[in-house]
């Protein structure tokens, strides 16, 4: 079984089955992106194309696409809402999703439509690492907690 260090920031909410995260920026807004495990499972991402501002999205449905070496994959959204901004740097620097998935590699910002009810489908806090480890095992990857100070 392949072994990998795992890093999942504690302040984020995760839709584990689709390997996406959300950072609440207030009661009605969130920034979303792809988890480090999701990026590892996908492989090299050559293009990121989030849906444009003004687009309505539904939890667990597409918020954009990424182009891999041999396929184009839909990225799912952890929350329903309206896209209010997309990361402009991804057009020319898609590698940001690899180098800084929880920071500069974010995909989009949403104005949330159902934040309270949709949080039930998301994993947070101490439940994140065990949920990610279980998901990784489906792909024959053994996740170990990241060393302190690593990103």
N, C-alpha and C. Protein backbone atom coordinates (compact mmCIF):
# COMPACT_ATOMS: atom_id res chain seq x y z
N UNK A 1 0.84 -1.17 0.00
CA UNK A 1 0.00 0.00 0.00
C UNK A 1 0.89 1.24 0.00
N UNK A 2 0.57 2.21 -0.82
CA UNK A 2 1.28 3.47 -0.90
C UNK A 2 1.07 4.26 0.40
N UNK A 3 2.10 4.97 0.86
CA UNK A 3 1.99 5.78 2.07
C UNK A 3 2.18 7.25 1.71
N UNK A 4 1.41 8.10 2.39
CA UNK A 4 1.51 9.53 2.14
C UNK A 4 1.20 10.30 3.41
N UNK A 5 1.86 11.45 3.56
CA UNK A 5 1.53 12.34 4.68
C UNK A 5 0.24 13.07 4.36
N UNK A 6 -0.56 13.30 5.38
CA UNK A 6 -1.85 13.94 5.19
C UNK A 6 -1.86 15.30 5.89
N UNK A 7 -2.37 16.30 5.21
CA UNK A 7 -2.54 17.61 5.81
C UNK A 7 -3.93 18.12 5.45
N UNK A 8 -4.76 18.32 6.47
CA UNK A 8 -6.12 18.81 6.27
C UNK A 8 -6.37 19.88 7.33
N UNK A 9 -6.27 21.16 6.97
CA UNK A 9 -6.43 22.22 7.97
C UNK A 9 -7.73 22.08 8.77
N UNK A 10 -7.60 22.27 10.08
CA UNK A 10 -8.72 22.06 11.00
C UNK A 10 -9.84 23.09 10.85
N UNK A 11 -9.55 24.24 10.27
CA UNK A 11 -10.58 25.28 10.17
C UNK A 11 -11.47 25.12 8.94
N UNK A 12 -11.28 24.05 8.18
CA UNK A 12 -12.05 23.84 6.96
C UNK A 12 -13.13 22.79 7.15
N UNK A 13 -14.12 22.82 6.25
CA UNK A 13 -15.16 21.80 6.17
C UNK A 13 -14.88 20.99 4.91
N UNK A 14 -15.10 19.68 4.96
CA UNK A 14 -14.73 18.81 3.85
C UNK A 14 -15.91 17.97 3.37
N UNK A 15 -16.09 17.89 2.06
CA UNK A 15 -17.01 16.95 1.43
C UNK A 15 -16.11 15.82 0.95
N UNK A 16 -15.92 14.83 1.83
CA UNK A 16 -14.89 13.80 1.66
C UNK A 16 -15.08 13.00 0.38
N UNK A 17 -16.29 12.57 0.08
CA UNK A 17 -16.48 11.72 -1.09
C UNK A 17 -16.08 12.40 -2.39
N UNK A 18 -16.08 13.73 -2.41
CA UNK A 18 -15.69 14.46 -3.63
C UNK A 18 -14.36 15.19 -3.47
N UNK A 19 -13.71 15.06 -2.30
CA UNK A 19 -12.39 15.61 -2.05
C UNK A 19 -12.31 17.11 -2.31
N UNK A 20 -13.27 17.84 -1.77
CA UNK A 20 -13.28 19.30 -1.84
C UNK A 20 -13.43 19.86 -0.43
N UNK A 21 -13.01 21.10 -0.27
CA UNK A 21 -13.07 21.77 1.03
C UNK A 21 -13.76 23.12 0.91
N UNK A 22 -14.20 23.64 2.07
CA UNK A 22 -14.78 24.98 2.14
C UNK A 22 -14.25 25.68 3.38
N UNK A 23 -13.92 26.95 3.22
CA UNK A 23 -13.54 27.81 4.36
C UNK A 23 -14.63 28.87 4.47
N UNK A 24 -15.33 28.86 5.60
CA UNK A 24 -16.37 29.87 5.80
C UNK A 24 -15.71 31.22 6.00
N UNK A 25 -16.16 32.19 5.22
CA UNK A 25 -15.61 33.55 5.28
C UNK A 25 -16.58 34.49 5.99
N UNK A 26 -17.68 33.96 6.45
CA UNK A 26 -18.75 34.70 7.11
C UNK A 26 -19.97 33.81 7.09
N UNK A 27 -21.09 34.28 7.59
CA UNK A 27 -22.27 33.41 7.67
C UNK A 27 -22.84 33.00 6.31
N UNK A 28 -22.56 33.75 5.27
CA UNK A 28 -23.15 33.46 3.96
C UNK A 28 -22.14 33.33 2.84
N UNK A 29 -20.83 33.23 3.16
CA UNK A 29 -19.83 33.15 2.10
C UNK A 29 -18.76 32.12 2.45
N UNK A 30 -18.27 31.44 1.42
CA UNK A 30 -17.20 30.45 1.61
C UNK A 30 -16.29 30.45 0.40
N UNK A 31 -15.02 30.13 0.67
CA UNK A 31 -14.04 29.86 -0.36
C UNK A 31 -13.94 28.35 -0.48
N UNK A 32 -13.85 27.83 -1.71
CA UNK A 32 -13.80 26.38 -1.91
C UNK A 32 -12.60 25.99 -2.77
N UNK A 33 -12.17 24.73 -2.60
CA UNK A 33 -11.05 24.22 -3.37
C UNK A 33 -10.98 22.71 -3.30
N UNK A 34 -9.92 22.15 -3.86
CA UNK A 34 -9.71 20.71 -3.91
C UNK A 34 -8.73 20.32 -2.80
N UNK A 35 -8.99 19.20 -2.12
CA UNK A 35 -8.10 18.76 -1.05
C UNK A 35 -6.76 18.26 -1.62
N UNK A 36 -5.77 18.21 -0.75
CA UNK A 36 -4.48 17.67 -1.17
C UNK A 36 -4.60 16.20 -1.57
N UNK A 37 -5.48 15.45 -0.90
CA UNK A 37 -5.70 14.06 -1.30
C UNK A 37 -6.39 13.99 -2.66
N UNK A 38 -7.35 14.85 -2.89
CA UNK A 38 -8.02 14.88 -4.20
C UNK A 38 -7.05 15.17 -5.32
N UNK A 39 -6.12 16.08 -5.07
CA UNK A 39 -5.11 16.41 -6.08
C UNK A 39 -4.19 15.22 -6.30
N UNK A 40 -3.81 14.56 -5.22
CA UNK A 40 -2.95 13.37 -5.36
C UNK A 40 -3.65 12.28 -6.17
N UNK A 41 -4.94 12.07 -5.90
CA UNK A 41 -5.69 11.05 -6.62
C UNK A 41 -5.87 11.41 -8.10
N UNK A 42 -6.01 12.69 -8.39
CA UNK A 42 -6.22 13.14 -9.77
C UNK A 42 -4.94 13.07 -10.59
N UNK A 43 -3.82 13.41 -9.97
CA UNK A 43 -2.57 13.50 -10.72
C UNK A 43 -2.33 14.93 -11.15
N UNK A 44 -1.45 15.11 -12.10
CA UNK A 44 -1.08 16.45 -12.56
C UNK A 44 -2.28 17.16 -13.19
N UNK A 45 -2.58 18.35 -12.68
CA UNK A 45 -3.67 19.17 -13.20
C UNK A 45 -3.06 20.21 -14.13
N UNK A 46 -3.53 20.22 -15.36
CA UNK A 46 -2.98 21.13 -16.38
C UNK A 46 -3.84 22.36 -16.60
N UNK A 47 -5.11 22.29 -16.19
CA UNK A 47 -6.02 23.40 -16.39
C UNK A 47 -7.11 23.32 -15.34
N UNK A 48 -7.47 24.48 -14.78
CA UNK A 48 -8.60 24.59 -13.84
C UNK A 48 -9.56 25.62 -14.41
N UNK A 49 -10.82 25.24 -14.50
CA UNK A 49 -11.81 26.17 -15.03
C UNK A 49 -13.06 26.16 -14.15
N UNK A 50 -13.08 27.02 -13.09
CA UNK A 50 -14.28 27.13 -12.28
C UNK A 50 -15.42 27.76 -13.09
N UNK A 51 -16.66 27.49 -12.67
CA UNK A 51 -17.80 28.13 -13.33
C UNK A 51 -17.73 29.62 -13.06
N UNK A 52 -18.20 30.45 -14.00
CA UNK A 52 -18.05 31.90 -13.85
C UNK A 52 -18.94 32.49 -12.76
N UNK A 53 -18.54 33.67 -12.31
CA UNK A 53 -19.34 34.40 -11.32
C UNK A 53 -20.77 34.54 -11.82
N UNK A 54 -21.71 34.41 -10.90
CA UNK A 54 -23.13 34.48 -11.23
C UNK A 54 -23.78 33.12 -11.43
N UNK A 55 -22.97 32.06 -11.54
CA UNK A 55 -23.49 30.71 -11.75
C UNK A 55 -24.03 30.14 -10.44
N UNK A 56 -25.22 29.56 -10.49
CA UNK A 56 -25.79 28.85 -9.34
C UNK A 56 -25.21 27.43 -9.31
N UNK A 57 -24.80 26.98 -8.13
CA UNK A 57 -24.28 25.62 -7.98
C UNK A 57 -25.03 24.92 -6.84
N UNK A 58 -25.03 23.58 -6.89
CA UNK A 58 -25.73 22.76 -5.91
C UNK A 58 -24.74 21.82 -5.25
N UNK A 59 -24.83 21.69 -3.92
CA UNK A 59 -23.92 20.83 -3.16
C UNK A 59 -23.79 19.46 -3.82
N UNK A 60 -22.54 19.02 -4.02
CA UNK A 60 -22.26 17.71 -4.62
C UNK A 60 -22.31 17.69 -6.14
N UNK A 61 -22.62 18.83 -6.74
CA UNK A 61 -22.64 18.95 -8.21
C UNK A 61 -21.47 19.82 -8.65
N UNK A 62 -21.28 19.96 -9.94
CA UNK A 62 -20.10 20.61 -10.50
C UNK A 62 -20.00 22.11 -10.18
N UNK A 63 -18.78 22.50 -9.80
CA UNK A 63 -18.46 23.92 -9.66
C UNK A 63 -17.40 24.30 -10.68
N UNK A 64 -16.94 23.31 -11.44
CA UNK A 64 -15.94 23.56 -12.47
C UNK A 64 -15.32 22.27 -12.93
N UNK A 65 -14.29 22.40 -13.77
CA UNK A 65 -13.60 21.23 -14.28
C UNK A 65 -12.09 21.43 -14.18
N UNK A 66 -11.39 20.30 -14.10
CA UNK A 66 -9.93 20.31 -14.18
C UNK A 66 -9.54 19.36 -15.30
N UNK A 67 -8.49 19.74 -16.01
CA UNK A 67 -7.98 18.90 -17.09
C UNK A 67 -6.74 18.17 -16.59
N UNK A 68 -6.77 16.86 -16.72
CA UNK A 68 -5.65 16.01 -16.34
C UNK A 68 -4.95 15.54 -17.60
N UNK A 69 -3.94 14.71 -17.45
CA UNK A 69 -3.18 14.24 -18.61
C UNK A 69 -4.06 13.57 -19.66
N UNK A 70 -5.02 12.76 -19.23
CA UNK A 70 -5.82 12.02 -20.19
C UNK A 70 -7.32 12.17 -20.00
N UNK A 71 -7.75 13.14 -19.19
CA UNK A 71 -9.19 13.30 -18.98
C UNK A 71 -9.52 14.69 -18.46
N UNK A 72 -10.79 15.00 -18.50
CA UNK A 72 -11.33 16.20 -17.89
C UNK A 72 -12.28 15.74 -16.81
N UNK A 73 -12.11 16.27 -15.59
CA UNK A 73 -12.88 15.82 -14.45
C UNK A 73 -13.66 16.98 -13.85
N UNK A 74 -14.91 16.70 -13.50
CA UNK A 74 -15.76 17.69 -12.84
C UNK A 74 -15.37 17.80 -11.37
N UNK A 75 -15.24 19.02 -10.87
CA UNK A 75 -14.99 19.28 -9.46
C UNK A 75 -16.33 19.61 -8.83
N UNK A 76 -16.65 18.93 -7.74
CA UNK A 76 -17.93 19.12 -7.06
C UNK A 76 -17.82 20.22 -6.01
N UNK A 77 -18.94 20.81 -5.66
CA UNK A 77 -18.94 21.88 -4.67
C UNK A 77 -19.42 21.38 -3.30
N UNK A 78 -18.77 21.83 -2.22
CA UNK A 78 -19.21 21.42 -0.90
C UNK A 78 -20.48 22.12 -0.41
N UNK A 79 -20.85 23.23 -1.03
CA UNK A 79 -22.04 23.99 -0.65
C UNK A 79 -22.82 24.42 -1.88
N UNK A 80 -24.11 24.62 -1.70
CA UNK A 80 -24.94 25.24 -2.74
C UNK A 80 -24.82 26.76 -2.60
N UNK A 81 -24.99 27.45 -3.72
CA UNK A 81 -24.95 28.90 -3.69
C UNK A 81 -24.68 29.48 -5.05
N UNK A 82 -24.23 30.71 -5.04
CA UNK A 82 -23.90 31.43 -6.26
C UNK A 82 -22.42 31.74 -6.27
N UNK A 83 -21.76 31.45 -7.38
CA UNK A 83 -20.34 31.79 -7.52
C UNK A 83 -20.24 33.31 -7.57
N UNK A 84 -19.46 33.88 -6.65
CA UNK A 84 -19.28 35.33 -6.63
C UNK A 84 -17.89 35.74 -7.12
N UNK A 85 -16.95 34.80 -7.11
CA UNK A 85 -15.59 35.09 -7.60
C UNK A 85 -14.92 33.78 -7.94
N UNK A 86 -14.01 33.84 -8.91
CA UNK A 86 -13.16 32.69 -9.24
C UNK A 86 -11.71 33.14 -9.08
N UNK A 87 -10.85 32.19 -8.84
CA UNK A 87 -9.44 32.50 -8.66
C UNK A 87 -8.83 32.86 -10.01
N UNK A 88 -8.53 34.13 -10.25
CA UNK A 88 -8.03 34.55 -11.57
C UNK A 88 -6.66 33.98 -11.90
N UNK A 89 -5.88 33.62 -10.89
CA UNK A 89 -4.52 33.12 -11.12
C UNK A 89 -4.51 31.72 -11.72
N UNK A 90 -5.59 30.95 -11.53
CA UNK A 90 -5.58 29.56 -12.02
C UNK A 90 -5.53 29.47 -13.54
N UNK A 91 -5.99 30.49 -14.24
CA UNK A 91 -5.94 30.47 -15.71
C UNK A 91 -4.51 30.35 -16.21
N UNK A 92 -3.60 31.07 -15.58
CA UNK A 92 -2.20 31.03 -16.02
C UNK A 92 -1.30 30.21 -15.10
N UNK A 93 -1.79 29.89 -13.89
CA UNK A 93 -0.98 29.14 -12.92
C UNK A 93 -1.78 27.98 -12.31
N UNK A 94 -2.22 27.01 -13.11
CA UNK A 94 -3.02 25.91 -12.55
C UNK A 94 -2.26 25.08 -11.51
N UNK A 95 -0.94 25.16 -11.51
CA UNK A 95 -0.12 24.44 -10.55
C UNK A 95 -0.33 24.90 -9.11
N UNK A 96 -0.98 26.05 -8.92
CA UNK A 96 -1.25 26.52 -7.56
C UNK A 96 -2.10 25.52 -6.78
N UNK A 97 -2.95 24.76 -7.46
CA UNK A 97 -3.76 23.77 -6.75
C UNK A 97 -2.87 22.67 -6.16
N UNK A 98 -1.70 22.44 -6.77
CA UNK A 98 -0.74 21.46 -6.25
C UNK A 98 0.12 22.05 -5.14
N UNK A 99 0.63 23.23 -5.36
CA UNK A 99 1.60 23.81 -4.43
C UNK A 99 0.96 24.44 -3.20
N UNK A 100 -0.28 24.91 -3.30
CA UNK A 100 -0.93 25.58 -2.18
C UNK A 100 -2.45 25.34 -2.24
N UNK A 101 -2.88 24.07 -2.09
CA UNK A 101 -4.30 23.75 -2.29
C UNK A 101 -5.25 24.45 -1.33
N UNK A 102 -4.79 24.81 -0.13
CA UNK A 102 -5.67 25.42 0.87
C UNK A 102 -5.46 26.93 0.98
N UNK A 103 -4.62 27.47 0.12
CA UNK A 103 -4.34 28.90 0.13
C UNK A 103 -4.56 29.49 -1.25
N UNK A 104 -3.45 29.79 -1.94
CA UNK A 104 -3.51 30.43 -3.25
C UNK A 104 -4.14 29.55 -4.34
N UNK A 105 -4.31 28.25 -4.08
CA UNK A 105 -4.89 27.35 -5.07
C UNK A 105 -6.40 27.18 -4.96
N UNK A 106 -7.08 28.08 -4.26
CA UNK A 106 -8.54 28.02 -4.14
C UNK A 106 -9.19 28.14 -5.52
N UNK A 107 -10.40 27.58 -5.66
CA UNK A 107 -11.10 27.62 -6.95
C UNK A 107 -12.08 28.76 -7.08
N UNK A 108 -12.99 28.88 -6.10
CA UNK A 108 -14.07 29.86 -6.22
C UNK A 108 -14.54 30.31 -4.85
N UNK A 109 -15.25 31.44 -4.85
CA UNK A 109 -15.94 31.91 -3.64
C UNK A 109 -17.43 31.87 -3.93
N UNK A 110 -18.18 31.43 -2.93
CA UNK A 110 -19.62 31.28 -3.07
C UNK A 110 -20.37 32.14 -2.07
N UNK A 111 -21.53 32.66 -2.51
CA UNK A 111 -22.54 33.19 -1.60
C UNK A 111 -23.44 32.01 -1.33
N UNK A 112 -23.47 31.56 -0.07
CA UNK A 112 -24.15 30.32 0.28
C UNK A 112 -25.66 30.49 0.38
N UNK A 113 -26.38 29.48 -0.09
CA UNK A 113 -27.84 29.53 -0.03
C UNK A 113 -28.42 28.69 1.11
N UNK A 114 -27.72 27.62 1.53
CA UNK A 114 -28.24 26.73 2.58
C UNK A 114 -27.14 26.31 3.56
N UNK A 115 -26.38 27.25 4.11
CA UNK A 115 -25.21 26.84 4.90
C UNK A 115 -25.55 25.99 6.12
N UNK A 116 -26.60 26.30 6.86
CA UNK A 116 -26.91 25.55 8.07
C UNK A 116 -27.24 24.10 7.75
N UNK A 117 -28.15 23.86 6.84
CA UNK A 117 -28.59 22.50 6.55
C UNK A 117 -27.51 21.68 5.83
N UNK A 118 -26.69 22.31 5.01
CA UNK A 118 -25.68 21.57 4.24
C UNK A 118 -24.44 21.20 5.06
N UNK A 119 -24.22 21.86 6.17
CA UNK A 119 -23.07 21.53 7.02
C UNK A 119 -23.15 20.09 7.51
N UNK A 120 -24.34 19.51 7.61
CA UNK A 120 -24.50 18.13 8.09
C UNK A 120 -23.80 17.13 7.17
N UNK A 121 -23.64 17.46 5.89
CA UNK A 121 -22.99 16.55 4.94
C UNK A 121 -21.47 16.71 4.94
N UNK A 122 -20.97 17.69 5.68
CA UNK A 122 -19.54 18.00 5.66
C UNK A 122 -18.86 17.49 6.93
N UNK A 123 -17.57 17.18 6.81
CA UNK A 123 -16.79 16.68 7.93
C UNK A 123 -15.86 17.79 8.39
N UNK A 124 -15.69 17.89 9.73
CA UNK A 124 -14.80 18.92 10.26
C UNK A 124 -14.14 18.42 11.55
N UNK A 125 -13.14 19.15 11.97
CA UNK A 125 -12.49 18.88 13.24
C UNK A 125 -11.80 17.53 13.31
N UNK A 126 -11.95 16.87 14.46
CA UNK A 126 -11.27 15.60 14.71
C UNK A 126 -11.74 14.47 13.80
N UNK A 127 -12.89 14.62 13.17
CA UNK A 127 -13.42 13.56 12.29
C UNK A 127 -12.77 13.56 10.91
N UNK A 128 -12.04 14.63 10.56
CA UNK A 128 -11.50 14.77 9.21
C UNK A 128 -10.46 13.70 8.88
N UNK A 129 -9.42 13.57 9.69
CA UNK A 129 -8.34 12.64 9.35
C UNK A 129 -8.86 11.20 9.23
N UNK A 130 -9.66 10.67 10.18
CA UNK A 130 -10.16 9.31 9.99
C UNK A 130 -11.02 9.15 8.72
N UNK A 131 -11.81 10.16 8.40
CA UNK A 131 -12.64 10.08 7.18
C UNK A 131 -11.76 10.08 5.93
N UNK A 132 -10.73 10.91 5.92
CA UNK A 132 -9.82 10.96 4.77
C UNK A 132 -9.01 9.67 4.67
N UNK A 133 -8.60 9.12 5.80
CA UNK A 133 -7.85 7.86 5.78
C UNK A 133 -8.71 6.74 5.20
N UNK A 134 -9.97 6.68 5.59
CA UNK A 134 -10.88 5.65 5.06
C UNK A 134 -11.07 5.84 3.56
N UNK A 135 -11.20 7.08 3.10
CA UNK A 135 -11.36 7.35 1.66
C UNK A 135 -10.09 6.96 0.90
N UNK A 136 -8.94 7.32 1.45
CA UNK A 136 -7.67 7.01 0.79
C UNK A 136 -7.46 5.51 0.64
N UNK A 137 -7.88 4.73 1.65
CA UNK A 137 -7.71 3.28 1.57
C UNK A 137 -8.47 2.68 0.39
N UNK A 138 -9.55 3.32 -0.05
CA UNK A 138 -10.27 2.84 -1.24
C UNK A 138 -9.36 2.85 -2.46
N UNK A 139 -8.34 3.71 -2.44
CA UNK A 139 -7.40 3.85 -3.56
C UNK A 139 -6.03 3.28 -3.21
N UNK A 140 -5.99 2.46 -2.17
CA UNK A 140 -4.77 1.78 -1.73
C UNK A 140 -3.68 2.76 -1.31
N UNK A 141 -4.09 3.83 -0.66
CA UNK A 141 -3.16 4.81 -0.10
C UNK A 141 -3.36 4.83 1.40
N UNK A 142 -2.26 4.76 2.13
CA UNK A 142 -2.31 4.84 3.59
C UNK A 142 -1.88 6.23 4.00
N UNK A 143 -2.78 7.02 4.59
CA UNK A 143 -2.45 8.37 5.01
C UNK A 143 -1.94 8.36 6.44
N UNK A 144 -0.88 9.11 6.66
CA UNK A 144 -0.34 9.32 7.99
C UNK A 144 -0.41 10.80 8.29
N UNK A 145 -0.66 11.17 9.54
CA UNK A 145 -0.71 12.60 9.87
C UNK A 145 0.55 13.31 9.42
N UNK A 146 0.40 14.51 8.89
CA UNK A 146 1.56 15.31 8.45
C UNK A 146 2.38 15.72 9.66
N UNK A 147 3.67 15.88 9.46
CA UNK A 147 4.56 16.34 10.52
C UNK A 147 4.18 17.77 10.91
N UNK A 148 4.38 18.12 12.15
CA UNK A 148 4.08 19.47 12.61
C UNK A 148 4.81 20.50 11.74
N UNK A 149 4.07 21.56 11.38
CA UNK A 149 4.65 22.63 10.60
C UNK A 149 4.65 22.40 9.10
N UNK A 150 4.24 21.22 8.62
CA UNK A 150 4.21 21.00 7.17
C UNK A 150 2.86 21.37 6.62
N UNK A 151 2.81 21.72 5.36
CA UNK A 151 1.56 22.13 4.73
C UNK A 151 1.11 21.16 3.69
